[in-house]
Structure formats: C-alpha cells, structure tokens
Amino acid sequence: MTTERLGHRPVVEVLYVQDCPNYPETLALVQRVRAELGIEAQIRTTLIVDQAAAEQARFAGSPTVRVDGHDVEPDTEPSAEISVACRLYRLEHRLAGHPDESWIRDALLRAVWRA
C-alpha cells in the first residue's frame, strides 16, 4: 500500500520540548511505523520553546504526536491541559513517555483511508 495510490500524504507532527528524553525514541518510532506501512507521510518536528508556543500549538506535553492534526492517543482531543513539560501516556498496563505503537499505526491508516 502506498499513499500515491490512495492520493493522500498524511502529515505527522512530533512536538517536543528541549531536552525531552522521550523525543528521539518517539521520532524513531514514528519513522519506523511509517516505513513498515509504506505510507509516505510527511514528518514535521516542532520545538515548543515557551508557554505561548504551547498554547498556540495546543501542546499536551512532550512528546506529542499528531496525524493530520489529530492526537494519536485515543480520546484526548481537544487537549484540556496545555503544558511545557513531559507527557505521560496511559498504556494498557503502564505509563510511558511515548505513545503506543498501535496508536501511531492506527492514526496513519485512518488518515490514508479518510482521504
């Protein structure tokens, strides 16, 4: 499956704060899932430098991953909490500093098929 055939190239945003320990792993996870699915998504990274930037971006904490403007974490939109801080994700049996791989995969597939 390629996005060329489907006619839509999703935009994946990875928003983060300086020195976020989970940003590199999250970016690598996004790139790996994109490659495994064969989706030619555009990946944009955005450094959130202060509270004003966080508010403008509706930033829920670092790292935040969005596909076509939608947070990959299920049932989180719109973000009620804007924070220039680390983000914790509630996975099935634990907390993690990055989104679950299945959330990224599902969000990418939804974006391609929604187009």
PDB file of N, CA and C in Angstrom:
ATOM      1  N   MET A   1       0.834  -1.167   0.000  1.00  0.00           N
ATOM      2  CA  MET A   1       0.000   0.000   0.000  1.00  0.00           C
ATOM      3  C   MET A   1       0.883   1.235   0.000  1.00  0.00           C
ATOM      4  N   THR A   2       0.624   2.153  -0.886  1.00  0.00           N
ATOM      5  CA  THR A   2       1.333   3.425  -0.872  1.00  0.00           C
ATOM      6  C   THR A   2       0.319   4.549  -0.905  1.00  0.00           C
ATOM      7  N   THR A   3       0.722   5.701  -0.377  1.00  0.00           N
ATOM      8  CA  THR A   3      -0.187   6.841  -0.379  1.00  0.00           C
ATOM      9  C   THR A   3      -0.330   7.414  -1.770  1.00  0.00           C
ATOM     10  N   GLU A   4       0.623   7.148  -2.656  1.00  0.00           N
ATOM     11  CA  GLU A   4       0.477   7.625  -4.032  1.00  0.00           C
ATOM     12  C   GLU A   4      -0.779   7.005  -4.646  1.00  0.00           C
ATOM     13  N   ARG A   5      -0.981   5.737  -4.421  1.00  0.00           N
ATOM     14  CA  ARG A   5      -2.133   5.056  -4.980  1.00  0.00           C
ATOM     15  C   ARG A   5      -3.424   5.588  -4.352  1.00  0.00           C
ATOM     16  N   LEU A   6      -3.388   5.899  -3.062  1.00  0.00           N
ATOM     17  CA  LEU A   6      -4.578   6.345  -2.368  1.00  0.00           C
ATOM     18  C   LEU A   6      -4.802   7.849  -2.498  1.00  0.00           C
ATOM     19  N   GLY A   7      -3.791   8.593  -2.927  1.00  0.00           N
ATOM     20  CA  GLY A   7      -3.949  10.013  -3.196  1.00  0.00           C
ATOM     21  C   GLY A   7      -3.841  10.940  -2.004  1.00  0.00           C
ATOM     22  N   HIS A   8      -3.396  10.466  -0.848  1.00  0.00           N
ATOM     23  CA  HIS A   8      -3.255  11.333   0.315  1.00  0.00           C
ATOM     24  C   HIS A   8      -1.936  11.059   1.011  1.00  0.00           C
ATOM     25  N   ARG A   9      -1.237  12.130   1.308  1.00  0.00           N
ATOM     26  CA  ARG A   9       0.033  12.029   2.036  1.00  0.00           C
ATOM     27  C   ARG A   9      -0.160  12.674   3.408  1.00  0.00           C
ATOM     28  N   PRO A  10      -0.369  11.873   4.449  1.00  0.00           N
ATOM     29  CA  PRO A  10      -0.622  12.431   5.775  1.00  0.00           C
ATOM     30  C   PRO A  10       0.559  13.256   6.283  1.00  0.00           C
ATOM     31  N   VAL A  11       0.244  14.178   7.188  1.00  0.00           N
ATOM     32  CA  VAL A  11       1.263  14.970   7.868  1.00  0.00           C
ATOM     33  C   VAL A  11       1.316  14.498   9.314  1.00  0.00           C
ATOM     34  N   VAL A  12       2.500  14.054   9.727  1.00  0.00           N
ATOM     35  CA  VAL A  12       2.717  13.625  11.106  1.00  0.00           C
ATOM     36  C   VAL A  12       3.538  14.710  11.794  1.00  0.00           C
ATOM     37  N   GLU A  13       2.992  15.233  12.874  1.00  0.00           N
ATOM     38  CA  GLU A  13       3.702  16.242  13.656  1.00  0.00           C
ATOM     39  C   GLU A  13       4.220  15.593  14.933  1.00  0.00           C
ATOM     40  N   VAL A  14       5.477  15.856  15.235  1.00  0.00           N
ATOM     41  CA  VAL A  14       6.048  15.431  16.511  1.00  0.00           C
ATOM     42  C   VAL A  14       6.491  16.712  17.213  1.00  0.00           C
ATOM     43  N   LEU A  15       5.762  17.082  18.246  1.00  0.00           N
ATOM     44  CA  LEU A  15       6.041  18.297  19.000  1.00  0.00           C
ATOM     45  C   LEU A  15       6.763  17.916  20.286  1.00  0.00           C
ATOM     46  N   TYR A  16       7.746  18.718  20.682  1.00  0.00           N
ATOM     47  CA  TYR A  16       8.566  18.346  21.839  1.00  0.00           C
ATOM     48  C   TYR A  16       9.181  19.582  22.483  1.00  0.00           C
ATOM     49  N   VAL A  17       9.676  19.416  23.702  1.00  0.00           N
ATOM     50  CA  VAL A  17      10.414  20.475  24.388  1.00  0.00           C
ATOM     51  C   VAL A  17      11.900  20.119  24.377  1.00  0.00           C
ATOM     52  N   GLN A  18      12.707  21.144  24.538  1.00  0.00           N
ATOM     53  CA  GLN A  18      14.163  20.970  24.581  1.00  0.00           C
ATOM     54  C   GLN A  18      14.540  19.937  25.642  1.00  0.00           C
ATOM     55  N   ASP A  19      15.467  19.060  25.315  1.00  0.00           N
ATOM     56  CA  ASP A  19      15.992  18.047  26.228  1.00  0.00           C
ATOM     57  C   ASP A  19      14.961  16.995  26.655  1.00  0.00           C
ATOM     58  N   CYS A  20      13.908  16.831  25.880  1.00  0.00           N
ATOM     59  CA  CYS A  20      12.925  15.788  26.197  1.00  0.00           C
ATOM     60  C   CYS A  20      13.590  14.429  26.006  1.00  0.00           C
ATOM     61  N   PRO A  21      13.655  13.603  27.045  1.00  0.00           N
ATOM     62  CA  PRO A  21      14.331  12.316  26.907  1.00  0.00           C
ATOM     63  C   PRO A  21      13.573  11.316  26.026  1.00  0.00           C
ATOM     64  N   ASN A  22      12.282  11.561  25.793  1.00  0.00           N
ATOM     65  CA  ASN A  22      11.471  10.628  25.007  1.00  0.00           C
ATOM     66  C   ASN A  22      11.312  11.036  23.551  1.00  0.00           C
ATOM     67  N   TYR A  23      11.775  12.232  23.204  1.00  0.00           N
ATOM     68  CA  TYR A  23      11.626  12.702  21.825  1.00  0.00           C
ATOM     69  C   TYR A  23      12.368  11.827  20.802  1.00  0.00           C
ATOM     70  N   PRO A  24      13.658  11.515  20.983  1.00  0.00           N
ATOM     71  CA  PRO A  24      14.354  10.719  19.966  1.00  0.00           C
ATOM     72  C   PRO A  24      13.697   9.360  19.721  1.00  0.00           C
ATOM     73  N   GLU A  25      13.302   8.684  20.791  1.00  0.00           N
ATOM     74  CA  GLU A  25      12.666   7.376  20.659  1.00  0.00           C
ATOM     75  C   GLU A  25      11.311   7.498  19.951  1.00  0.00           C
ATOM     76  N   THR A  26      10.572   8.544  20.264  1.00  0.00           N
ATOM     77  CA  THR A  26       9.264   8.752  19.641  1.00  0.00           C
ATOM     78  C   THR A  26       9.412   9.038  18.161  1.00  0.00           C
ATOM     79  N   LEU A  27      10.352   9.889  17.796  1.00  0.00           N
ATOM     80  CA  LEU A  27      10.579  10.195  16.380  1.00  0.00           C
ATOM     81  C   LEU A  27      10.988   8.935  15.628  1.00  0.00           C
ATOM     82  N   ALA A  28      11.865   8.136  16.212  1.00  0.00           N
ATOM     83  CA  ALA A  28      12.290   6.882  15.574  1.00  0.00           C
ATOM     84  C   ALA A  28      11.111   5.924  15.423  1.00  0.00           C
ATOM     85  N   LEU A  29      10.234   5.872  16.414  1.00  0.00           N
ATOM     86  CA  LEU A  29       9.047   5.019  16.359  1.00  0.00           C
ATOM     87  C   LEU A  29       8.125   5.454  15.215  1.00  0.00           C
ATOM     88  N   VAL A  30       7.889   6.744  15.090  1.00  0.00           N
ATOM     89  CA  VAL A  30       7.057   7.275  14.011  1.00  0.00           C
ATOM     90  C   VAL A  30       7.656   6.921  12.653  1.00  0.00           C
ATOM     91  N   GLN A  31       8.952   7.110  12.504  1.00  0.00           N
ATOM     92  CA  GLN A  31       9.617   6.812  11.228  1.00  0.00           C
ATOM     93  C   GLN A  31       9.546   5.322  10.899  1.00  0.00           C
ATOM     94  N   ARG A  32       9.725   4.478  11.907  1.00  0.00           N
ATOM     95  CA  ARG A  32       9.682   3.031  11.688  1.00  0.00           C
ATOM     96  C   ARG A  32       8.282   2.569  11.280  1.00  0.00           C
ATOM     97  N   VAL A  33       7.261   3.041  11.983  1.00  0.00           N
ATOM     98  CA  VAL A  33       5.887   2.647  11.662  1.00  0.00           C
ATOM     99  C   VAL A  33       5.518   3.126  10.264  1.00  0.00           C
ATOM    100  N   ARG A  34       5.881   4.346   9.942  1.00  0.00           N
ATOM    101  CA  ARG A  34       5.609   4.891   8.597  1.00  0.00           C
ATOM    102  C   ARG A  34       6.249   4.002   7.541  1.00  0.00           C
ATOM    103  N   ALA A  35       7.500   3.618   7.743  1.00  0.00           N
ATOM    104  CA  ALA A  35       8.208   2.782   6.775  1.00  0.00           C
ATOM    105  C   ALA A  35       7.581   1.388   6.672  1.00  0.00           C
ATOM    106  N   GLU A  36       7.236   0.792   7.818  1.00  0.00           N
ATOM    107  CA  GLU A  36       6.630  -0.538   7.804  1.00  0.00           C
ATOM    108  C   GLU A  36       5.304  -0.554   7.050  1.00  0.00           C
ATOM    109  N   LEU A  37       4.531   0.526   7.173  1.00  0.00           N
ATOM    110  CA  LEU A  37       3.241   0.606   6.487  1.00  0.00           C
ATOM    111  C   LEU A  37       3.382   1.014   5.020  1.00  0.00           C
ATOM    112  N   GLY A  38       4.565   1.551   4.662  1.00  0.00           N
ATOM    113  CA  GLY A  38       4.765   2.020   3.302  1.00  0.00           C
ATOM    114  C   GLY A  38       3.993   3.289   2.997  1.00  0.00           C
ATOM    115  N   ILE A  39       3.710   4.063   4.030  1.00  0.00           N
ATOM    116  CA  ILE A  39       2.969   5.319   3.867  1.00  0.00           C
ATOM    117  C   ILE A  39       3.968   6.458   3.782  1.00  0.00           C
ATOM    118  N   GLU A  40       3.862   7.225   2.742  1.00  0.00           N
ATOM    119  CA  GLU A  40       4.799   8.329   2.528  1.00  0.00           C
ATOM    120  C   GLU A  40       4.322   9.593   3.226  1.00  0.00           C
ATOM    121  N   ALA A  41       4.164   9.481   4.537  1.00  0.00           N
ATOM    122  CA  ALA A  41       3.734  10.616   5.348  1.00  0.00           C
ATOM    123  C   ALA A  41       4.862  11.625   5.479  1.00  0.00           C
ATOM    124  N   GLN A  42       4.479  12.875   5.507  1.00  0.00           N
ATOM    125  CA  GLN A  42       5.438  13.943   5.772  1.00  0.00           C
ATOM    126  C   GLN A  42       5.580  14.063   7.282  1.00  0.00           C
ATOM    127  N   ILE A  43       6.814  14.064   7.794  1.00  0.00           N
ATOM    128  CA  ILE A  43       7.045  14.197   9.228  1.00  0.00           C
ATOM    129  C   ILE A  43       7.587  15.592   9.504  1.00  0.00           C
ATOM    130  N   ARG A  44       6.904  16.285  10.413  1.00  0.00           N
ATOM    131  CA  ARG A  44       7.321  17.629  10.830  1.00  0.00           C
ATOM    132  C   ARG A  44       7.628  17.590  12.317  1.00  0.00           C
ATOM    133  N   THR A  45       8.755  18.148  12.693  1.00  0.00           N
ATOM    134  CA  THR A  45       9.092  18.242  14.114  1.00  0.00           C
ATOM    135  C   THR A  45       9.022  19.713  14.522  1.00  0.00           C
ATOM    136  N   THR A  46       8.497  19.945  15.721  1.00  0.00           N
ATOM    137  CA  THR A  46       8.353  21.314  16.210  1.00  0.00           C
ATOM    138  C   THR A  46       8.842  21.384  17.647  1.00  0.00           C
ATOM    139  N   LEU A  47       9.812  22.248  17.876  1.00  0.00           N
ATOM    140  CA  LEU A  47      10.317  22.508  19.217  1.00  0.00           C
ATOM    141  C   LEU A  47       9.419  23.562  19.865  1.00  0.00           C
ATOM    142  N   ILE A  48       8.835  23.229  20.996  1.00  0.00           N
ATOM    143  CA  ILE A  48       7.990  24.155  21.754  1.00  0.00           C
ATOM    144  C   ILE A  48       8.888  24.843  22.779  1.00  0.00           C
ATOM    145  N   VAL A  49       9.040  26.155  22.630  1.00  0.00           N
ATOM    146  CA  VAL A  49      10.036  26.860  23.442  1.00  0.00           C
ATOM    147  C   VAL A  49       9.483  27.548  24.677  1.00  0.00           C
ATOM    148  N   ASP A  50       8.186  27.842  24.710  1.00  0.00           N
ATOM    149  CA  ASP A  50       7.621  28.537  25.868  1.00  0.00           C
ATOM    150  C   ASP A  50       6.113  28.317  25.947  1.00  0.00           C
ATOM    151  N   GLN A  51       5.504  28.864  26.989  1.00  0.00           N
ATOM    152  CA  GLN A  51       4.072  28.664  27.216  1.00  0.00           C
ATOM    153  C   GLN A  51       3.234  29.248  26.076  1.00  0.00           C
ATOM    154  N   ALA A  52       3.644  30.381  25.527  1.00  0.00           N
ATOM    155  CA  ALA A  52       2.884  30.981  24.422  1.00  0.00           C
ATOM    156  C   ALA A  52       2.871  30.051  23.211  1.00  0.00           C
ATOM    157  N   ALA A  53       4.014  29.449  22.907  1.00  0.00           N
ATOM    158  CA  ALA A  53       4.084  28.492  21.793  1.00  0.00           C
ATOM    159  C   ALA A  53       3.257  27.255  22.099  1.00  0.00           C
ATOM    160  N   ALA A  54       3.268  26.827  23.354  1.00  0.00           N
ATOM    161  CA  ALA A  54       2.477  25.662  23.761  1.00  0.00           C
ATOM    162  C   ALA A  54       0.993  25.933  23.577  1.00  0.00           C
ATOM    163  N   GLU A  55       0.549  27.103  23.979  1.00  0.00           N
ATOM    164  CA  GLU A  55      -0.863  27.449  23.831  1.00  0.00           C
ATOM    165  C   GLU A  55      -1.264  27.546  22.362  1.00  0.00           C
ATOM    166  N   GLN A  56      -0.421  28.162  21.559  1.00  0.00           N
ATOM    167  CA  GLN A  56      -0.715  28.291  20.133  1.00  0.00           C
ATOM    168  C   GLN A  56      -0.813  26.914  19.466  1.00  0.00           C
ATOM    169  N   ALA A  57       0.037  25.983  19.884  1.00  0.00           N
ATOM    170  CA  ALA A  57       0.068  24.647  19.282  1.00  0.00           C
ATOM    171  C   ALA A  57      -0.894  23.667  19.963  1.00  0.00           C
ATOM    172  N   ARG A  58      -1.591  24.104  21.020  1.00  0.00           N
ATOM    173  CA  ARG A  58      -2.451  23.193  21.797  1.00  0.00           C
ATOM    174  C   ARG A  58      -1.635  21.981  22.257  1.00  0.00           C
ATOM    175  N   PHE A  59      -0.499  22.274  22.832  1.00  0.00           N
ATOM    176  CA  PHE A  59       0.521  21.288  23.184  1.00  0.00           C
ATOM    177  C   PHE A  59       0.182  20.586  24.490  1.00  0.00           C
ATOM    178  N   ALA A  60       0.047  19.270  24.441  1.00  0.00           N
ATOM    179  CA  ALA A  60      -0.333  18.483  25.619  1.00  0.00           C
ATOM    180  C   ALA A  60       0.865  17.934  26.378  1.00  0.00           C
ATOM    181  N   GLY A  61       2.060  18.313  26.008  1.00  0.00           N
ATOM    182  CA  GLY A  61       3.257  17.812  26.667  1.00  0.00           C
ATOM    183  C   GLY A  61       4.167  17.103  25.690  1.00  0.00           C
ATOM    184  N   SER A  62       5.402  16.882  26.125  1.00  0.00           N
ATOM    185  CA  SER A  62       6.432  16.369  25.239  1.00  0.00           C
ATOM    186  C   SER A  62       6.707  14.891  25.477  1.00  0.00           C
ATOM    187  N   PRO A  63       6.709  14.133  24.401  1.00  0.00           N
ATOM    188  CA  PRO A  63       6.390  14.479  23.016  1.00  0.00           C
ATOM    189  C   PRO A  63       4.892  14.289  22.731  1.00  0.00           C
ATOM    190  N   THR A  64       4.391  15.076  21.809  1.00  0.00           N
ATOM    191  CA  THR A  64       3.032  14.927  21.313  1.00  0.00           C
ATOM    192  C   THR A  64       3.123  14.537  19.848  1.00  0.00           C
ATOM    193  N   VAL A  65       2.352  13.536  19.451  1.00  0.00           N
ATOM    194  CA  VAL A  65       2.337  13.080  18.057  1.00  0.00           C
ATOM    195  C   VAL A  65       0.923  13.275  17.518  1.00  0.00           C
ATOM    196  N   ARG A  66       0.837  13.953  16.382  1.00  0.00           N
ATOM    197  CA  ARG A  66      -0.441  14.167  15.714  1.00  0.00           C
ATOM    198  C   ARG A  66      -0.338  13.723  14.263  1.00  0.00           C
ATOM    199  N   VAL A  67      -1.424  13.172  13.759  1.00  0.00           N
ATOM    200  CA  VAL A  67      -1.519  12.815  12.344  1.00  0.00           C
ATOM    201  C   VAL A  67      -2.659  13.629  11.761  1.00  0.00           C
ATOM    202  N   ASP A  68      -2.334  14.433  10.758  1.00  0.00           N
ATOM    203  CA  ASP A  68      -3.307  15.337  10.140  1.00  0.00           C
ATOM    204  C   ASP A  68      -4.060  16.149  11.192  1.00  0.00           C
ATOM    205  N   GLY A  69      -3.321  16.616  12.210  1.00  0.00           N
ATOM    206  CA  GLY A  69      -3.888  17.488  13.226  1.00  0.00           C
ATOM    207  C   GLY A  69      -4.567  16.794  14.384  1.00  0.00           C
ATOM    208  N   HIS A  70      -4.642  15.471  14.369  1.00  0.00           N
ATOM    209  CA  HIS A  70      -5.313  14.717  15.429  1.00  0.00           C
ATOM    210  C   HIS A  70      -4.298  13.985  16.292  1.00  0.00           C
ATOM    211  N   ASP A  71      -4.403  14.166  17.603  1.00  0.00           N
ATOM    212  CA  ASP A  71      -3.527  13.471  18.536  1.00  0.00           C
ATOM    213  C   ASP A  71      -3.693  11.967  18.351  1.00  0.00           C
ATOM    214  N   VAL A  72      -2.591  11.226  18.384  1.00  0.00           N
ATOM    215  CA  VAL A  72      -2.671   9.770  18.183  1.00  0.00           C
ATOM    216  C   VAL A  72      -3.237   9.047  19.401  1.00  0.00           C
ATOM    217  N   GLU A  73      -3.177   9.663  20.577  1.00  0.00           N
ATOM    218  CA  GLU A  73      -3.726   8.998  21.766  1.00  0.00           C
ATOM    219  C   GLU A  73      -5.250   9.021  21.683  1.00  0.00           C
ATOM    220  N   PRO A  74      -5.879   7.867  21.771  1.00  0.00           N
ATOM    221  CA  PRO A  74      -7.346   7.822  21.679  1.00  0.00           C
ATOM    222  C   PRO A  74      -8.019   8.648  22.784  1.00  0.00           C
ATOM    223  N   ASP A  75      -9.093   9.305  22.419  1.00  0.00           N
ATOM    224  CA  ASP A  75      -9.944  10.032  23.375  1.00  0.00           C
ATOM    225  C   ASP A  75      -9.234  11.158  24.108  1.00  0.00           C
ATOM    226  N   THR A  76      -8.356  11.907  23.427  1.00  0.00           N
ATOM    227  CA  THR A  76      -7.660  13.007  24.097  1.00  0.00           C
ATOM    228  C   THR A  76      -7.960  14.367  23.500  1.00  0.00           C
ATOM    229  N   GLU A  77      -8.779  14.441  22.482  1.00  0.00           N
ATOM    230  CA  GLU A  77      -8.974  15.733  21.828  1.00  0.00           C
ATOM    231  C   GLU A  77     -10.251  16.402  22.267  1.00  0.00           C
ATOM    232  N   PRO A  78     -10.273  17.724  22.351  1.00  0.00           N
ATOM    233  CA  PRO A  78      -9.079  18.565  22.330  1.00  0.00           C
ATOM    234  C   PRO A  78      -8.354  18.512  23.667  1.00  0.00           C
ATOM    235  N   SER A  79      -7.091  18.826  23.633  1.00  0.00           N
ATOM    236  CA  SER A  79      -6.295  18.747  24.848  1.00  0.00           C
ATOM    237  C   SER A  79      -6.753  19.822  25.840  1.00  0.00           C
ATOM    238  N   ALA A  80      -7.139  19.391  27.017  1.00  0.00           N
ATOM    239  CA  ALA A  80      -7.590  20.324  28.044  1.00  0.00           C
ATOM    240  C   ALA A  80      -6.405  20.930  28.783  1.00  0.00           C
ATOM    241  N   GLU A  81      -5.297  20.213  28.821  1.00  0.00           N
ATOM    242  CA  GLU A  81      -4.138  20.674  29.570  1.00  0.00           C
ATOM    243  C   GLU A  81      -3.022  21.069  28.624  1.00  0.00           C
ATOM    244  N   ILE A  82      -2.640  22.346  28.668  1.00  0.00           N
ATOM    245  CA  ILE A  82      -1.541  22.863  27.854  1.00  0.00           C
ATOM    246  C   ILE A  82      -0.346  23.009  28.787  1.00  0.00           C
ATOM    247  N   SER A  83       0.793  22.396  28.410  1.00  0.00           N
ATOM    248  CA  SER A  83       1.917  22.371  29.331  1.00  0.00           C
ATOM    249  C   SER A  83       3.252  22.273  28.596  1.00  0.00           C
ATOM    250  N   VAL A  84       4.212  23.061  29.055  1.00  0.00           N
ATOM    251  CA  VAL A  84       5.581  22.957  28.552  1.00  0.00           C
ATOM    252  C   VAL A  84       6.318  22.004  29.492  1.00  0.00           C
ATOM    253  N   ALA A  85       5.990  20.731  29.354  1.00  0.00           N
ATOM    254  CA  ALA A  85       6.532  19.711  30.261  1.00  0.00           C
ATOM    255  C   ALA A  85       6.500  18.360  29.561  1.00  0.00           C
ATOM    256  N   CYS A  86       7.002  17.356  30.250  1.00  0.00           N
ATOM    257  CA  CYS A  86       6.953  15.998  29.719  1.00  0.00           C
ATOM    258  C   CYS A  86       5.525  15.476  29.751  1.00  0.00           C
ATOM    259  N   ARG A  87       5.240  14.557  28.867  1.00  0.00           N
ATOM    260  CA  ARG A  87       3.910  13.954  28.777  1.00  0.00           C
ATOM    261  C   ARG A  87       4.018  12.473  29.109  1.00  0.00           C
ATOM    262  N   LEU A  88       3.056  11.982  29.852  1.00  0.00           N
ATOM    263  CA  LEU A  88       2.959  10.557  30.119  1.00  0.00           C
ATOM    264  C   LEU A  88       1.730  10.011  29.410  1.00  0.00           C
ATOM    265  N   TYR A  89       1.887   8.860  28.802  1.00  0.00           N
ATOM    266  CA  TYR A  89       0.804   8.186  28.097  1.00  0.00           C
ATOM    267  C   TYR A  89       0.350   6.998  28.925  1.00  0.00           C
ATOM    268  N   ARG A  90      -0.957   6.834  29.041  1.00  0.00           N
ATOM    269  CA  ARG A  90      -1.527   5.690  29.764  1.00  0.00           C
ATOM    270  C   ARG A  90      -1.702   4.540  28.783  1.00  0.00           C
ATOM    271  N   LEU A  91      -0.797   3.580  28.872  1.00  0.00           N
ATOM    272  CA  LEU A  91      -0.907   2.392  28.046  1.00  0.00           C
ATOM    273  C   LEU A  91      -1.741   1.361  28.815  1.00  0.00           C
ATOM    274  N   GLU A  92      -1.913   0.203  28.246  1.00  0.00           N
ATOM    275  CA  GLU A  92      -2.812  -0.785  28.852  1.00  0.00           C
ATOM    276  C   GLU A  92      -2.449  -1.131  30.291  1.00  0.00           C
ATOM    277  N   HIS A  93      -1.156  -1.376  30.553  1.00  0.00           N
ATOM    278  CA  HIS A  93      -0.759  -1.814  31.887  1.00  0.00           C
ATOM    279  C   HIS A  93       0.310  -0.936  32.533  1.00  0.00           C
ATOM    280  N   ARG A  94       0.578   0.217  31.941  1.00  0.00           N
ATOM    281  CA  ARG A  94       1.653   1.046  32.497  1.00  0.00           C
ATOM    282  C   ARG A  94       1.586   2.457  31.920  1.00  0.00           C
ATOM    283  N   LEU A  95       2.414   3.328  32.474  1.00  0.00           N
ATOM    284  CA  LEU A  95       2.608   4.662  31.917  1.00  0.00           C
ATOM    285  C   LEU A  95       3.872   4.635  31.071  1.00  0.00           C
ATOM    286  N   ALA A  96       3.894   5.451  30.012  1.00  0.00           N
ATOM    287  CA  ALA A  96       5.071   5.506  29.141  1.00  0.00           C
ATOM    288  C   ALA A  96       5.309   6.945  28.705  1.00  0.00           C
ATOM    289  N   GLY A  97       6.526   7.215  28.309  1.00  0.00           N
ATOM    290  CA  GLY A  97       6.899   8.553  27.859  1.00  0.00           C
ATOM    291  C   GLY A  97       6.693   8.769  26.372  1.00  0.00           C
ATOM    292  N   HIS A  98       6.116   7.792  25.699  1.00  0.00           N
ATOM    293  CA  HIS A  98       5.838   7.912  24.258  1.00  0.00           C
ATOM    294  C   HIS A  98       4.535   7.191  23.958  1.00  0.00           C
ATOM    295  N   PRO A  99       3.882   7.555  22.846  1.00  0.00           N
ATOM    296  CA  PRO A  99       2.621   6.888  22.509  1.00  0.00           C
ATOM    297  C   PRO A  99       2.827   5.431  22.130  1.00  0.00           C
ATOM    298  N   ASP A 100       1.780   4.656  22.272  1.00  0.00           N
ATOM    299  CA  ASP A 100       1.814   3.255  21.891  1.00  0.00           C
ATOM    300  C   ASP A 100       1.965   3.131  20.371  1.00  0.00           C
ATOM    301  N   GLU A 101       2.755   2.169  19.953  1.00  0.00           N
ATOM    302  CA  GLU A 101       2.980   1.954  18.520  1.00  0.00           C
ATOM    303  C   GLU A 101       1.659   1.753  17.767  1.00  0.00           C
ATOM    304  N   SER A 102       0.732   1.028  18.365  1.00  0.00           N
ATOM    305  CA  SER A 102      -0.544   0.759  17.688  1.00  0.00           C
ATOM    306  C   SER A 102      -1.340   2.037  17.457  1.00  0.00           C
ATOM    307  N   TRP A 103      -1.197   3.020  18.346  1.00  0.00           N
ATOM    308  CA  TRP A 103      -1.907   4.293  18.152  1.00  0.00           C
ATOM    309  C   TRP A 103      -1.380   5.021  16.918  1.00  0.00           C
ATOM    310  N   ILE A 104      -0.073   5.009  16.741  1.00  0.00           N
ATOM    311  CA  ILE A 104       0.534   5.671  15.580  1.00  0.00           C
ATOM    312  C   ILE A 104       0.119   4.943  14.304  1.00  0.00           C
ATOM    313  N   ARG A 105       0.185   3.642  14.342  1.00  0.00           N
ATOM    314  CA  ARG A 105      -0.205   2.819  13.188  1.00  0.00           C
ATOM    315  C   ARG A 105      -1.674   3.087  12.816  1.00  0.00           C
ATOM    316  N   ASP A 106      -2.555   3.041  13.798  1.00  0.00           N
ATOM    317  CA  ASP A 106      -3.983   3.264  13.547  1.00  0.00           C
ATOM    318  C   ASP A 106      -4.250   4.669  13.008  1.00  0.00           C
ATOM    319  N   ALA A 107      -3.583   5.657  13.570  1.00  0.00           N
ATOM    320  CA  ALA A 107      -3.781   7.044  13.134  1.00  0.00           C
ATOM    321  C   ALA A 107      -3.331   7.234  11.682  1.00  0.00           C
ATOM    322  N   LEU A 108      -2.209   6.635  11.318  1.00  0.00           N
ATOM    323  CA  LEU A 108      -1.737   6.733   9.939  1.00  0.00           C
ATOM    324  C   LEU A 108      -2.706   6.047   8.970  1.00  0.00           C
ATOM    325  N   LEU A 109      -3.157   4.870   9.329  1.00  0.00           N
ATOM    326  CA  LEU A 109      -4.088   4.145   8.462  1.00  0.00           C
ATOM    327  C   LEU A 109      -5.419   4.897   8.324  1.00  0.00           C
ATOM    328  N   ARG A 110      -5.918   5.461   9.435  1.00  0.00           N
ATOM    329  CA  ARG A 110      -7.148   6.253   9.364  1.00  0.00           C
ATOM    330  C   ARG A 110      -6.978   7.447   8.436  1.00  0.00           C
ATOM    331  N   ALA A 111      -5.834   8.120   8.536  1.00  0.00           N
ATOM    332  CA  ALA A 111      -5.590   9.317   7.717  1.00  0.00           C
ATOM    333  C   ALA A 111      -5.574   8.978   6.234  1.00  0.00           C
ATOM    334  N   VAL A 112      -4.969   7.856   5.889  1.00  0.00           N
ATOM    335  CA  VAL A 112      -4.888   7.452   4.482  1.00  0.00           C
ATOM    336  C   VAL A 112      -6.263   7.082   3.953  1.00  0.00           C
ATOM    337  N   TRP A 113      -7.023   6.333   4.734  1.00  0.00           N
ATOM    338  CA  TRP A 113      -8.321   5.861   4.251  1.00  0.00           C
ATOM    339  C   TRP A 113      -9.406   6.903   4.361  1.00  0.00           C
ATOM    340  N   ARG A 114      -9.201   7.934   5.205  1.00  0.00           N
ATOM    341  CA  ARG A 114     -10.176   9.003   5.368  1.00  0.00           C
ATOM    342  C   ARG A 114     -10.173   9.928   4.152  1.00  0.00           C
ATOM    343  N   ALA A 115      -9.035  10.011   3.493  1.00  0.00           N
ATOM    344  CA  ALA A 115      -8.881  10.963   2.375  1.00  0.00           C
ATOM    345  C   ALA A 115      -9.758  10.617   1.198  1.00  0.00           C
TER     346      ALA A 115
END
